[in-house]
Protein backbone atom coordinates (compact mmCIF):
# COMPACT_ATOMS: atom_id res chain seq x y z
CA MET A 1 20.95 -18.16 -50.56
CA PHE A 2 17.99 -18.46 -48.22
CA PHE A 3 17.79 -20.93 -45.34
CA VAL A 4 15.33 -21.94 -42.64
CA SER A 5 16.57 -23.34 -39.35
CA GLN A 6 14.69 -25.01 -36.52
CA HIS A 7 16.13 -25.13 -33.01
CA GLN A 8 14.64 -27.58 -30.48
CA LEU A 9 15.68 -27.03 -26.87
CA LEU A 10 17.43 -30.04 -25.38
CA ASN A 11 16.77 -28.85 -21.82
CA GLN A 12 13.10 -27.85 -21.56
CA GLN A 13 13.86 -26.02 -18.29
CA GLN A 14 15.88 -23.39 -20.18
CA ASN A 15 14.22 -20.11 -21.04
CA ILE A 16 13.83 -20.19 -24.82
CA ASN A 17 13.86 -16.40 -24.98
CA ASN A 18 17.45 -16.40 -23.69
CA ILE A 19 18.54 -18.64 -26.57
CA ALA A 20 16.34 -17.47 -29.46
CA PHE A 21 17.80 -13.97 -29.56
CA PHE A 22 21.13 -14.03 -31.36
CA GLU A 23 23.16 -11.39 -29.52
CA GLN A 24 26.42 -12.05 -31.33
CA GLU A 25 26.93 -9.73 -34.30
CA LEU A 26 26.10 -11.30 -37.66
CA PRO A 27 28.92 -11.73 -40.18
CA SER A 28 28.84 -9.44 -43.19
CA LYS A 29 26.78 -10.86 -46.07
CA MET A 30 24.45 -12.63 -43.62
CA LEU A 31 20.95 -11.57 -42.56
CA LEU A 32 18.45 -12.90 -40.05
CA HIS A 33 15.08 -12.05 -41.58
CA SER A 34 12.70 -13.52 -38.98
CA THR A 35 12.54 -15.53 -35.79
CA PHE A 36 9.41 -17.42 -34.74
CA ILE A 37 9.36 -18.58 -31.11
CA TYR A 38 7.09 -21.37 -29.86
CA VAL A 39 7.48 -21.12 -26.08
CA GLU A 40 5.23 -23.99 -25.00
CA GLU A 41 6.68 -26.38 -27.58
CA GLY A 42 10.26 -25.38 -26.73
CA TYR A 43 11.54 -24.53 -30.18
CA PHE A 44 12.11 -21.62 -32.52
CA GLN A 45 12.53 -21.19 -36.25
CA CYS A 46 14.57 -18.66 -38.21
CA VAL A 47 14.69 -17.42 -41.79
CA TRP A 48 18.20 -16.53 -42.92
CA GLU A 49 20.06 -15.20 -45.91
CA ALA A 50 23.73 -16.22 -46.16
CA GLU A 51 26.40 -16.93 -48.74
CA ASN A 52 26.55 -20.66 -47.90
CA THR A 53 25.63 -23.30 -45.34
CA ASP A 54 29.08 -23.27 -43.75
CA MET A 55 28.69 -19.60 -42.81
CA LEU A 56 25.22 -20.22 -41.42
CA LEU A 57 26.14 -23.28 -39.38
CA GLN A 58 29.30 -21.74 -37.99
CA TYR A 59 27.32 -18.74 -36.74
CA ILE A 60 24.50 -20.86 -35.27
CA HIS A 61 26.83 -23.30 -33.50
CA THR A 62 28.95 -20.45 -32.13
CA THR A 63 25.92 -18.55 -30.87
CA VAL A 64 23.51 -21.27 -29.71
CA GLY A 65 26.09 -23.91 -28.86
CA ASP A 66 24.94 -27.31 -27.67
CA GLY A 67 21.67 -26.08 -26.14
CA CYS A 68 19.54 -27.07 -29.13
CA GLN A 69 19.10 -29.74 -31.75
CA ILE A 70 19.42 -27.87 -35.03
CA ASP A 71 17.87 -28.72 -38.37
CA TYR A 72 18.29 -26.49 -41.39
CA TYR A 73 17.08 -26.38 -44.98
CA SER A 74 17.94 -24.33 -48.01
CA VAL A 75 15.03 -22.51 -49.62
CA ASP A 76 14.63 -21.92 -53.34
CA PRO A 77 13.43 -18.29 -53.48
CA ILE A 78 11.65 -18.81 -56.81
CA THR A 79 9.47 -21.72 -55.73
CA ALA A 80 8.99 -20.34 -52.19
CA ILE A 81 7.39 -17.16 -53.48
CA SER A 82 5.27 -18.56 -56.30
């Protein structure tokens, strides 16, 4: 399944580049396809591929922690491409 996540910094004084790069190894059967960083706005977006939302959210919460407000959406690959 494909997912998009958006991560809004809660503390605007934090360096977004320190948070937006996921340094923890990804679980098997999970891919991070792209990360889009908006420095001035204080948020970043990611495109993921994972088996399910539980796997995705567990990884994000473990890696990013409480530093961001996180929103995520599943993406239908058929309608997204057409």
